[in-house]
PDB file of N, CA and C in Angstrom:
ATOM      1  N   MET A   1      13.394  -2.370  10.022  1.00  0.00           N
ATOM      2  CA  MET A   1      12.906  -3.244   8.988  1.00  0.00           C
ATOM      3  C   MET A   1      11.472  -3.651   9.210  1.00  0.00           C
ATOM      4  N   PRO A   2      10.517  -3.554   8.176  1.00  0.00           N
ATOM      5  CA  PRO A   2       9.134  -3.892   8.372  1.00  0.00           C
ATOM      6  C   PRO A   2       8.950  -5.443   8.733  1.00  0.00           C
ATOM      7  N   GLU A   3       8.010  -5.604   9.593  1.00  0.00           N
ATOM      8  CA  GLU A   3       7.771  -7.018   9.980  1.00  0.00           C
ATOM      9  C   GLU A   3       7.125  -7.839   8.942  1.00  0.00           C
ATOM     10  N   GLN A   4       7.570  -9.046   8.758  1.00  0.00           N
ATOM     11  CA  GLN A   4       6.903  -9.889   7.764  1.00  0.00           C
ATOM     12  C   GLN A   4       5.733 -10.697   8.293  1.00  0.00           C
ATOM     13  N   HIS A   5       4.626 -10.736   7.499  1.00  0.00           N
ATOM     14  CA  HIS A   5       3.398 -11.367   7.879  1.00  0.00           C
ATOM     15  C   HIS A   5       3.295 -12.539   7.074  1.00  0.00           C
ATOM     16  N   GLU A   6       2.740 -13.727   7.622  1.00  0.00           N
ATOM     17  CA  GLU A   6       2.485 -14.850   6.919  1.00  0.00           C
ATOM     18  C   GLU A   6       1.013 -14.722   6.266  1.00  0.00           C
ATOM     19  N   ARG A   7       0.914 -15.259   5.208  1.00  0.00           N
ATOM     20  CA  ARG A   7      -0.452 -15.166   4.653  1.00  0.00           C
ATOM     21  C   ARG A   7      -1.267 -16.308   5.137  1.00  0.00           C
ATOM     22  N   ILE A   8      -2.512 -16.115   5.505  1.00  0.00           N
ATOM     23  CA  ILE A   8      -3.334 -17.077   6.072  1.00  0.00           C
ATOM     24  C   ILE A   8      -4.260 -17.654   4.898  1.00  0.00           C
ATOM     25  N   PRO A   9      -4.230 -18.985   4.750  1.00  0.00           N
ATOM     26  CA  PRO A   9      -4.926 -19.570   3.531  1.00  0.00           C
ATOM     27  C   PRO A   9      -6.515 -19.259   3.625  1.00  0.00           C
ATOM     28  N   ASP A  10      -7.154 -19.025   2.554  1.00  0.00           N
ATOM     29  CA  ASP A  10      -8.509 -18.729   2.417  1.00  0.00           C
ATOM     30  C   ASP A  10      -9.171 -19.918   2.733  1.00  0.00           C
ATOM     31  N   PRO A  11     -10.294 -19.968   3.681  1.00  0.00           N
ATOM     32  CA  PRO A  11     -11.040 -21.203   3.978  1.00  0.00           C
ATOM     33  C   PRO A  11     -11.995 -21.496   2.887  1.00  0.00           C
ATOM     34  N   SER A  12     -12.348 -20.603   1.924  1.00  0.00           N
ATOM     35  CA  SER A  12     -13.275 -20.882   1.006  1.00  0.00           C
ATOM     36  C   SER A  12     -12.728 -21.563  -0.217  1.00  0.00           C
ATOM     37  N   GLY A  13     -11.414 -21.991  -0.104  1.00  0.00           N
ATOM     38  CA  GLY A  13     -10.782 -22.715  -1.172  1.00  0.00           C
ATOM     39  C   GLY A  13      -9.709 -21.920  -1.845  1.00  0.00           C
ATOM     40  N   GLY A  14      -8.510 -22.055  -1.712  1.00  0.00           N
ATOM     41  CA  GLY A  14      -7.573 -21.233  -2.109  1.00  0.00           C
ATOM     42  C   GLY A  14      -7.287 -21.512  -3.563  1.00  0.00           C
ATOM     43  N   PRO A  15      -6.085 -21.089  -4.116  1.00  0.00           N
ATOM     44  CA  PRO A  15      -5.781 -21.286  -5.454  1.00  0.00           C
ATOM     45  C   PRO A  15      -5.730 -22.700  -5.785  1.00  0.00           C
ATOM     46  N   GLY A  16      -6.357 -23.080  -6.897  1.00  0.00           N
ATOM     47  CA  GLY A  16      -6.381 -24.506  -7.342  1.00  0.00           C
ATOM     48  C   GLY A  16      -7.410 -25.245  -6.692  1.00  0.00           C
ATOM     49  N   ALA A  17      -8.440 -24.588  -6.000  1.00  0.00           N
ATOM     50  CA  ALA A  17      -9.504 -25.334  -5.416  1.00  0.00           C
ATOM     51  C   ALA A  17     -10.204 -26.207  -6.480  1.00  0.00           C
ATOM     52  N   PRO A  18     -10.645 -27.458  -6.073  1.00  0.00           N
ATOM     53  CA  PRO A  18     -11.238 -28.318  -7.184  1.00  0.00           C
ATOM     54  C   PRO A  18     -12.587 -27.792  -7.658  1.00  0.00           C
ATOM     55  N   ASP A  19     -13.261 -27.041  -6.795  1.00  0.00           N
ATOM     56  CA  ASP A  19     -14.672 -26.596  -7.301  1.00  0.00           C
ATOM     57  C   ASP A  19     -14.588 -25.263  -8.021  1.00  0.00           C
ATOM     58  N   GLY A  20     -13.275 -24.798  -8.240  1.00  0.00           N
ATOM     59  CA  GLY A  20     -13.162 -23.532  -9.003  1.00  0.00           C
ATOM     60  C   GLY A  20     -13.496 -22.256  -8.174  1.00  0.00           C
ATOM     61  N   SER A  21     -13.623 -22.413  -6.833  1.00  0.00           N
ATOM     62  CA  SER A  21     -14.062 -21.252  -6.159  1.00  0.00           C
ATOM     63  C   SER A  21     -12.753 -20.343  -5.662  1.00  0.00           C
ATOM     64  N   ASP A  22     -11.939 -20.106  -6.525  1.00  0.00           N
ATOM     65  CA  ASP A  22     -10.747 -19.435  -6.252  1.00  0.00           C
ATOM     66  C   ASP A  22     -11.177 -17.981  -5.966  1.00  0.00           C
ATOM     67  N   THR A  23     -10.994 -17.363  -4.730  1.00  0.00           N
ATOM     68  CA  THR A  23     -11.473 -16.058  -4.503  1.00  0.00           C
ATOM     69  C   THR A  23     -10.155 -15.158  -4.313  1.00  0.00           C
ATOM     70  N   THR A  24      -9.038 -15.687  -4.383  1.00  0.00           N
ATOM     71  CA  THR A  24      -7.872 -14.903  -4.219  1.00  0.00           C
ATOM     72  C   THR A  24      -7.442 -14.210  -5.552  1.00  0.00           C
ATOM     73  N   GLY A  25      -7.023 -12.948  -5.471  1.00  0.00           N
ATOM     74  CA  GLY A  25      -6.567 -12.183  -6.590  1.00  0.00           C
ATOM     75  C   GLY A  25      -5.202 -12.596  -7.064  1.00  0.00           C
ATOM     76  N   ALA A  26      -4.574 -11.854  -7.927  1.00  0.00           N
ATOM     77  CA  ALA A  26      -3.266 -12.133  -8.511  1.00  0.00           C
ATOM     78  C   ALA A  26      -2.199 -12.049  -7.431  1.00  0.00           C
ATOM     79  N   THR A  27      -2.419 -11.436  -6.267  1.00  0.00           N
ATOM     80  CA  THR A  27      -1.471 -11.326  -5.199  1.00  0.00           C
ATOM     81  C   THR A  27      -1.563 -12.540  -4.278  1.00  0.00           C
ATOM     82  N   GLY A  28      -2.607 -13.263  -4.386  1.00  0.00           N
ATOM     83  CA  GLY A  28      -2.737 -14.512  -3.445  1.00  0.00           C
ATOM     84  C   GLY A  28      -3.564 -13.962  -2.163  1.00  0.00           C
ATOM     85  N   TRP A  29      -4.020 -12.912  -2.128  1.00  0.00           N
ATOM     86  CA  TRP A  29      -4.790 -12.516  -0.927  1.00  0.00           C
ATOM     87  C   TRP A  29      -6.264 -12.583  -1.174  1.00  0.00           C
ATOM     88  N   SER A  30      -7.040 -13.122  -0.219  1.00  0.00           N
ATOM     89  CA  SER A  30      -8.572 -13.085  -0.333  1.00  0.00           C
ATOM     90  C   SER A  30      -8.961 -11.686  -0.404  1.00  0.00           C
ATOM     91  N   THR A  31      -9.989 -11.370  -1.385  1.00  0.00           N
ATOM     92  CA  THR A  31     -10.548 -10.133  -1.417  1.00  0.00           C
ATOM     93  C   THR A  31     -11.976 -10.118  -1.346  1.00  0.00           C
ATOM     94  N   SER A  32     -12.679 -11.249  -1.020  1.00  0.00           N
ATOM     95  CA  SER A  32     -14.021 -11.285  -1.142  1.00  0.00           C
ATOM     96  C   SER A  32     -14.598 -11.128   0.276  1.00  0.00           C
ATOM     97  N   GLY A  33     -15.821 -10.504   0.223  1.00  0.00           N
ATOM     98  CA  GLY A  33     -16.460 -10.277   1.586  1.00  0.00           C
ATOM     99  C   GLY A  33     -15.926  -9.147   2.348  1.00  0.00           C
ATOM    100  N   PRO A  34     -16.612  -8.873   3.539  1.00  0.00           N
ATOM    101  CA  PRO A  34     -16.272  -7.799   4.384  1.00  0.00           C
ATOM    102  C   PRO A  34     -14.875  -8.034   5.139  1.00  0.00           C
ATOM    103  N   ASP A  35     -14.546  -9.325   5.368  1.00  0.00           N
ATOM    104  CA  ASP A  35     -13.330  -9.582   6.059  1.00  0.00           C
ATOM    105  C   ASP A  35     -12.203  -9.333   5.201  1.00  0.00           C
ATOM    106  N   GLY A  36     -12.253  -9.543   3.960  1.00  0.00           N
ATOM    107  CA  GLY A  36     -11.194  -9.466   2.930  1.00  0.00           C
ATOM    108  C   GLY A  36     -11.054  -7.913   2.736  1.00  0.00           C
ATOM    109  N   ASP A  37     -12.087  -7.151   2.593  1.00  0.00           N
ATOM    110  CA  ASP A  37     -12.069  -5.743   2.453  1.00  0.00           C
ATOM    111  C   ASP A  37     -11.414  -5.102   3.681  1.00  0.00           C
ATOM    112  N   ALA A  38     -11.693  -5.594   4.783  1.00  0.00           N
ATOM    113  CA  ALA A  38     -11.050  -4.940   6.139  1.00  0.00           C
ATOM    114  C   ALA A  38      -9.621  -5.236   6.099  1.00  0.00           C
ATOM    115  N   GLU A  39      -9.276  -6.458   5.708  1.00  0.00           N
ATOM    116  CA  GLU A  39      -7.855  -6.867   5.682  1.00  0.00           C
ATOM    117  C   GLU A  39      -7.072  -6.077   4.623  1.00  0.00           C
ATOM    118  N   ARG A  40      -7.621  -5.847   3.513  1.00  0.00           N
ATOM    119  CA  ARG A  40      -7.015  -4.999   2.531  1.00  0.00           C
ATOM    120  C   ARG A  40      -6.784  -3.693   2.865  1.00  0.00           C
ATOM    121  N   ARG A  41      -7.923  -3.047   3.699  1.00  0.00           N
ATOM    122  CA  ARG A  41      -7.686  -1.704   4.137  1.00  0.00           C
ATOM    123  C   ARG A  41      -6.657  -1.618   5.206  1.00  0.00           C
ATOM    124  N   ARG A  42      -6.592  -2.617   6.002  1.00  0.00           N
ATOM    125  CA  ARG A  42      -5.386  -2.486   7.114  1.00  0.00           C
ATOM    126  C   ARG A  42      -4.022  -2.629   6.392  1.00  0.00           C
ATOM    127  N   ARG A  43      -3.919  -3.514   5.315  1.00  0.00           N
ATOM    128  CA  ARG A  43      -2.621  -3.704   4.625  1.00  0.00           C
ATOM    129  C   ARG A  43      -2.311  -2.246   3.868  1.00  0.00           C
ATOM    130  N   ARG A  44      -3.399  -1.763   3.303  1.00  0.00           N
ATOM    131  CA  ARG A  44      -3.091  -0.383   2.572  1.00  0.00           C
ATOM    132  C   ARG A  44      -2.748   0.756   3.592  1.00  0.00           C
ATOM    133  N   ALA A  45      -3.478   0.704   4.884  1.00  0.00           N
ATOM    134  CA  ALA A  45      -3.053   1.725   5.768  1.00  0.00           C
ATOM    135  C   ALA A  45      -1.727   1.593   6.209  1.00  0.00           C
ATOM    136  N   ARG A  46      -1.233   0.296   6.588  1.00  0.00           N
ATOM    137  CA  ARG A  46       0.200  -0.027   6.981  1.00  0.00           C
ATOM    138  C   ARG A  46       1.087   0.425   5.832  1.00  0.00           C
ATOM    139  N   PHE A  47       0.817   0.080   4.641  1.00  0.00           N
ATOM    140  CA  PHE A  47       1.748   0.511   3.515  1.00  0.00           C
ATOM    141  C   PHE A  47       1.895   2.028   3.423  1.00  0.00           C
ATOM    142  N   LEU A  48       0.695   2.732   3.478  1.00  0.00           N
ATOM    143  CA  LEU A  48       0.862   4.217   3.453  1.00  0.00           C
ATOM    144  C   LEU A  48       1.600   4.831   4.629  1.00  0.00           C
ATOM    145  N   ARG A  49       1.426   4.330   5.833  1.00  0.00           N
ATOM    146  CA  ARG A  49       2.112   4.783   6.973  1.00  0.00           C
ATOM    147  C   ARG A  49       3.676   4.551   6.707  1.00  0.00           C
ATOM    148  N   GLU A  50       4.085   3.350   6.222  1.00  0.00           N
ATOM    149  CA  GLU A  50       5.436   3.048   5.958  1.00  0.00           C
ATOM    150  C   GLU A  50       6.048   3.924   4.935  1.00  0.00           C
ATOM    151  N   LEU A  51       5.269   4.173   3.858  1.00  0.00           N
ATOM    152  CA  LEU A  51       5.614   5.126   2.843  1.00  0.00           C
ATOM    153  C   LEU A  51       5.847   6.571   3.336  1.00  0.00           C
ATOM    154  N   THR A  52       4.953   6.932   4.107  1.00  0.00           N
ATOM    155  CA  THR A  52       5.114   8.273   4.667  1.00  0.00           C
ATOM    156  C   THR A  52       6.333   8.445   5.591  1.00  0.00           C
ATOM    157  N   GLU A  53       6.622   7.357   6.384  1.00  0.00           N
ATOM    158  CA  GLU A  53       7.723   7.302   7.177  1.00  0.00           C
ATOM    159  C   GLU A  53       9.025   7.424   6.440  1.00  0.00           C
ATOM    160  N   ALA A  54       9.084   6.533   5.274  1.00  0.00           N
ATOM    161  CA  ALA A  54      10.193   6.536   4.461  1.00  0.00           C
ATOM    162  C   ALA A  54      10.571   7.915   3.833  1.00  0.00           C
ATOM    163  N   ARG A  55       9.374   8.612   3.380  1.00  0.00           N
ATOM    164  CA  ARG A  55       9.484   9.911   2.817  1.00  0.00           C
ATOM    165  C   ARG A  55      10.073  10.886   3.816  1.00  0.00           C
ATOM    166  N   GLU A  56       9.448  10.905   5.098  1.00  0.00           N
ATOM    167  CA  GLU A  56      10.071  11.686   6.087  1.00  0.00           C
ATOM    168  C   GLU A  56      11.521  11.520   6.473  1.00  0.00           C
ATOM    169  N   LEU A  57      11.830  10.266   6.470  1.00  0.00           N
ATOM    170  CA  LEU A  57      13.266   9.932   6.744  1.00  0.00           C
ATOM    171  C   LEU A  57      14.158  10.503   5.608  1.00  0.00           C
ATOM    172  N   ARG A  58      13.775  10.269   4.348  1.00  0.00           N
ATOM    173  CA  ARG A  58      14.638  10.803   3.196  1.00  0.00           C
ATOM    174  C   ARG A  58      14.624  12.262   3.228  1.00  0.00           C
ATOM    175  N   ASP A  59      13.525  12.971   3.658  1.00  0.00           N
ATOM    176  CA  ASP A  59      13.670  14.420   3.765  1.00  0.00           C
ATOM    177  C   ASP A  59      14.720  14.889   4.815  1.00  0.00           C
ATOM    178  N   ARG A  60      14.600  14.114   5.959  1.00  0.00           N
ATOM    179  CA  ARG A  60      15.551  14.471   7.059  1.00  0.00           C
ATOM    180  C   ARG A  60      16.980  14.264   6.691  1.00  0.00           C
ATOM    181  N   VAL A  61      17.298  13.181   5.753  1.00  0.00           N
ATOM    182  CA  VAL A  61      18.789  12.847   5.572  1.00  0.00           C
ATOM    183  C   VAL A  61      19.168  13.540   4.353  1.00  0.00           C
ATOM    184  N   GLN A  62      18.254  14.083   3.486  1.00  0.00           N
ATOM    185  CA  GLN A  62      18.657  14.791   2.297  1.00  0.00           C
ATOM    186  C   GLN A  62      17.872  15.981   2.177  1.00  0.00           C
ATOM    187  N   PRO A  63      18.260  17.021   3.103  1.00  0.00           N
ATOM    188  CA  PRO A  63      17.481  18.237   3.091  1.00  0.00           C
ATOM    189  C   PRO A  63      17.531  19.038   1.832  1.00  0.00           C
ATOM    190  N   ARG A  64      18.595  19.115   1.113  1.00  0.00           N
ATOM    191  CA  ARG A  64      18.675  19.859  -0.119  1.00  0.00           C
ATOM    192  C   ARG A  64      17.676  19.298  -1.159  1.00  0.00           C
ATOM    193  N   ARG A  65      17.593  17.934  -1.347  1.00  0.00           N
ATOM    194  CA  ARG A  65      16.707  17.399  -2.250  1.00  0.00           C
ATOM    195  C   ARG A  65      15.147  17.647  -1.735  1.00  0.00           C
ATOM    196  N   ALA A  66      14.942  17.637  -0.543  1.00  0.00           N
ATOM    197  CA  ALA A  66      13.640  17.858   0.094  1.00  0.00           C
ATOM    198  C   ALA A  66      13.223  19.359  -0.191  1.00  0.00           C
ATOM    199  N   LYS A  67      14.173  20.237  -0.151  1.00  0.00           N
ATOM    200  CA  LYS A  67      13.780  21.622  -0.397  1.00  0.00           C
ATOM    201  C   LYS A  67      13.557  21.892  -1.838  1.00  0.00           C
ATOM    202  N   ALA A  68      14.295  21.176  -2.788  1.00  0.00           N
ATOM    203  CA  ALA A  68      13.948  21.292  -4.250  1.00  0.00           C
ATOM    204  C   ALA A  68      12.648  20.632  -4.461  1.00  0.00           C
ATOM    205  N   ALA A  69      12.355  19.554  -3.890  1.00  0.00           N
ATOM    206  CA  ALA A  69      11.110  18.890  -4.148  1.00  0.00           C
ATOM    207  C   ALA A  69       9.895  19.883  -3.661  1.00  0.00           C
ATOM    208  N   ARG A  70      10.056  20.605  -2.537  1.00  0.00           N
ATOM    209  CA  ARG A  70       8.998  21.503  -2.048  1.00  0.00           C
ATOM    210  C   ARG A  70       8.911  22.558  -3.068  1.00  0.00           C
ATOM    211  N   LEU A  71      10.046  23.209  -3.560  1.00  0.00           N
ATOM    212  CA  LEU A  71       9.883  24.317  -4.487  1.00  0.00           C
ATOM    213  C   LEU A  71       9.245  23.921  -5.788  1.00  0.00           C
ATOM    214  N   ARG A  72       9.580  22.649  -6.307  1.00  0.00           N
ATOM    215  CA  ARG A  72       8.917  22.161  -7.430  1.00  0.00           C
ATOM    216  C   ARG A  72       7.398  21.907  -7.253  1.00  0.00           C
ATOM    217  N   HIS A  73       7.011  21.388  -6.093  1.00  0.00           N
ATOM    218  CA  HIS A  73       5.677  21.236  -5.794  1.00  0.00           C
ATOM    219  C   HIS A  73       4.880  22.658  -5.779  1.00  0.00           C
ATOM    220  N   ALA A  74       5.506  23.594  -5.152  1.00  0.00           N
ATOM    221  CA  ALA A  74       4.884  24.977  -5.039  1.00  0.00           C
ATOM    222  C   ALA A  74       4.711  25.431  -6.409  1.00  0.00           C
ATOM    223  N   MET A  75       5.688  25.288  -7.283  1.00  0.00           N
ATOM    224  CA  MET A  75       5.605  25.752  -8.736  1.00  0.00           C
ATOM    225  C   MET A  75       4.456  25.140  -9.443  1.00  0.00           C
ATOM    226  N   ARG A  76       4.351  23.766  -9.240  1.00  0.00           N
ATOM    227  CA  ARG A  76       3.229  23.100  -9.900  1.00  0.00           C
ATOM    228  C   ARG A  76       1.885  23.631  -9.289  1.00  0.00           C
ATOM    229  N   MET A  77       1.817  23.937  -8.120  1.00  0.00           N
ATOM    230  CA  MET A  77       0.574  24.340  -7.459  1.00  0.00           C
ATOM    231  C   MET A  77       0.277  25.699  -7.935  1.00  0.00           C
ATOM    232  N   ARG A  78       1.252  26.569  -8.229  1.00  0.00           N
ATOM    233  CA  ARG A  78       0.969  27.955  -8.696  1.00  0.00           C
ATOM    234  C   ARG A  78       0.585  27.930 -10.177  1.00  0.00           C
ATOM    235  N   THR A  79       1.046  27.049 -10.885  1.00  0.00           N
ATOM    236  CA  THR A  79       0.672  27.042 -12.340  1.00  0.00           C
ATOM    237  C   THR A  79      -0.456  26.077 -12.624  1.00  0.00           C
ATOM    238  N   PHE A  80      -1.102  25.438 -11.672  1.00  0.00           N
ATOM    239  CA  PHE A  80      -2.209  24.596 -11.919  1.00  0.00           C
ATOM    240  C   PHE A  80      -3.419  25.488 -12.130  1.00  0.00           C
ATOM    241  N   ARG A  81      -4.177  25.077 -13.172  1.00  0.00           N
ATOM    242  CA  ARG A  81      -5.496  25.842 -13.473  1.00  0.00           C
ATOM    243  C   ARG A  81      -6.700  24.973 -13.221  1.00  0.00           C
ATOM    244  N   TRP A  82      -7.663  25.581 -12.464  1.00  0.00           N
ATOM    245  CA  TRP A  82      -8.934  24.845 -12.129  1.00  0.00           C
ATOM    246  C   TRP A  82      -9.729  24.738 -13.349  1.00  0.00           C
TER     247      TRP A  82
END
């Protein structure tokens, strides 16, 4: 099971800041500045690793479906025109 991480409040004034300096997006994560970008990239990298792991697990436990998916992908690649 993936580990749960607590959100750290944004020191520049989170949602509902009186001065209107809300720098959090719709997800509630701060995205301003280089620290926000680095954190977003870390979260994205973790998500993509978990997604890849889940796909590999599905392929191992459902080999027939994985083979069909490989064949469909190969057909798409053969019929793709540049």
